[in-house]
Amino acid sequence: MAWVDVAARRDLAPSAGLEIEVGGKALLLVEAEGRIHAVDAVCPHHAAWFTDGRVEGGRIFCPRHMGAFDLETGRQLAGPPCPSLGVYPVRCEAGRILVGINPLPAARA
């Protein structure tokens, strides 16, 4: 796994998410219950942006269909059936937020 430095810890406000891009993928950093989470920025059900949704407890809610997803596991908790939400490991070092991304497969020659 590769750890990517994505933001300063001070840039993440407790009441708001921070959209970032890692390897061409849109992710959202959110703080909930004292922990920082990195999840896909777009709902897997109907492509709504979670920046327009809300975080409550350990859940994130889609603004379009009010689907709810667990921030730890990505498992859907409510809403119409859809795939799980992508979640990524996070760690903080020296005031920076790092997100763990699986390396891409090697290109074939």
Protein backbone atom coordinates (compact mmCIF):
# COMPACT_ATOMS: atom_id res chain seq x y z
CA MET A 1 0.00 0.00 0.00
CA ALA A 2 1.20 3.48 -0.82
CA TRP A 3 0.55 6.32 1.64
CA VAL A 4 -0.26 9.62 -0.08
CA ASP A 5 0.01 12.98 1.70
CA VAL A 6 -3.29 14.69 0.87
CA ALA A 7 -3.83 17.62 3.24
CA ALA A 8 -2.77 19.50 6.33
CA ARG A 9 -4.69 18.41 9.42
CA ARG A 10 -5.69 22.04 10.05
CA ASP A 11 -7.46 22.14 6.64
CA LEU A 12 -10.10 19.64 7.78
CA ALA A 13 -12.85 21.41 9.73
CA PRO A 14 -14.82 19.16 12.12
CA SER A 15 -18.18 20.19 10.66
CA ALA A 16 -17.29 19.94 6.96
CA GLY A 17 -15.73 17.46 4.57
CA LEU A 18 -12.70 18.14 2.43
CA GLU A 19 -12.76 16.87 -1.14
CA ILE A 20 -9.41 15.65 -2.43
CA GLU A 21 -8.11 13.82 -5.48
CA VAL A 22 -5.78 10.87 -5.19
CA GLY A 23 -4.60 9.03 -8.28
CA GLY A 24 -7.39 10.49 -10.38
CA LYS A 25 -10.05 9.41 -7.86
CA ALA A 26 -12.27 11.86 -5.96
CA LEU A 27 -12.27 11.19 -2.22
CA LEU A 28 -13.81 12.96 0.74
CA LEU A 29 -12.09 13.43 4.09
CA VAL A 30 -14.48 13.74 7.02
CA GLU A 31 -14.06 13.82 10.76
CA ALA A 32 -16.62 11.90 12.79
CA GLU A 33 -16.54 10.88 16.42
CA GLY A 34 -12.93 12.06 16.75
CA ARG A 35 -11.62 10.04 13.80
CA ILE A 36 -10.69 11.06 10.27
CA HIS A 37 -12.14 8.96 7.46
CA ALA A 38 -11.46 8.88 3.72
CA VAL A 39 -14.30 7.65 1.51
CA ASP A 40 -15.32 7.85 -2.13
CA ALA A 41 -16.65 11.36 -2.74
CA VAL A 42 -19.51 10.09 -4.92
CA CYS A 43 -22.39 7.88 -3.82
CA PRO A 44 -22.28 4.45 -5.51
CA HIS A 45 -26.06 4.50 -6.01
CA HIS A 46 -26.74 7.53 -8.16
CA ALA A 47 -23.54 9.55 -8.48
CA ALA A 48 -24.47 12.24 -5.95
CA TRP A 49 -21.58 14.12 -4.34
CA PHE A 50 -21.23 13.53 -0.61
CA THR A 51 -20.00 17.12 -0.21
CA ASP A 52 -23.72 18.01 -0.45
CA GLY A 53 -24.67 15.34 2.11
CA ARG A 54 -24.18 15.20 5.85
CA VAL A 55 -22.21 13.26 8.43
CA GLU A 56 -23.91 12.15 11.60
CA GLY A 57 -22.22 9.91 14.14
CA GLY A 58 -20.26 7.32 12.21
CA ARG A 59 -22.44 7.59 9.10
CA ILE A 60 -22.48 9.61 5.91
CA PHE A 61 -25.77 10.35 4.14
CA CYS A 62 -26.31 10.76 0.41
CA PRO A 63 -28.08 14.05 -0.39
CA ARG A 64 -30.01 12.53 -3.28
CA HIS A 65 -31.69 9.44 -1.84
CA MET A 66 -30.74 9.66 1.87
CA GLY A 67 -28.84 6.41 1.70
CA ALA A 68 -26.58 5.99 4.70
CA PHE A 69 -23.15 4.37 4.77
CA ASP A 70 -20.90 3.34 7.65
CA LEU A 71 -17.72 5.44 7.55
CA GLU A 72 -15.58 2.59 8.95
CA THR A 73 -16.67 -0.23 6.64
CA GLY A 74 -18.47 1.46 3.72
CA ARG A 75 -21.43 -0.87 4.33
CA GLN A 76 -24.79 0.54 3.32
CA LEU A 77 -27.08 1.08 6.31
CA ALA A 78 -30.17 2.59 4.61
CA GLY A 79 -31.51 3.53 1.20
CA PRO A 80 -32.06 1.74 -2.10
CA PRO A 81 -29.80 -1.27 -2.74
CA CYS A 82 -26.38 -0.33 -4.08
CA PRO A 83 -22.71 -1.31 -3.75
CA SER A 84 -20.75 -0.47 -0.63
CA LEU A 85 -18.95 2.85 -0.36
CA GLY A 86 -15.19 2.76 -0.92
CA VAL A 87 -13.24 3.47 2.28
CA TYR A 88 -9.50 4.09 2.61
CA PRO A 89 -7.13 3.90 5.58
CA VAL A 90 -6.04 7.21 7.09
CA ARG A 91 -3.19 8.20 9.35
CA CYS A 92 -1.89 11.53 10.62
CA GLU A 93 1.81 12.37 10.84
CA ALA A 94 3.41 15.68 11.77
CA GLY A 95 0.19 17.62 11.16
CA ARG A 96 -0.46 16.01 7.78
CA ILE A 97 -3.22 13.60 6.67
CA LEU A 98 -2.11 10.57 4.67
CA VAL A 99 -4.45 8.20 2.81
CA GLY A 100 -3.54 4.62 1.98
CA ILE A 101 -4.06 3.68 -1.65
CA ASN A 102 -3.46 0.26 -3.15
CA PRO A 103 -0.78 0.52 -5.82
CA LEU A 104 -1.92 0.14 -9.41
CA PRO A 105 -0.94 -3.10 -11.18
CA ALA A 106 2.28 -2.88 -13.14
CA ALA A 107 1.83 -1.98 -16.79
CA ARG A 108 2.36 -4.79 -19.25
CA ALA A 109 4.98 -4.36 -21.90
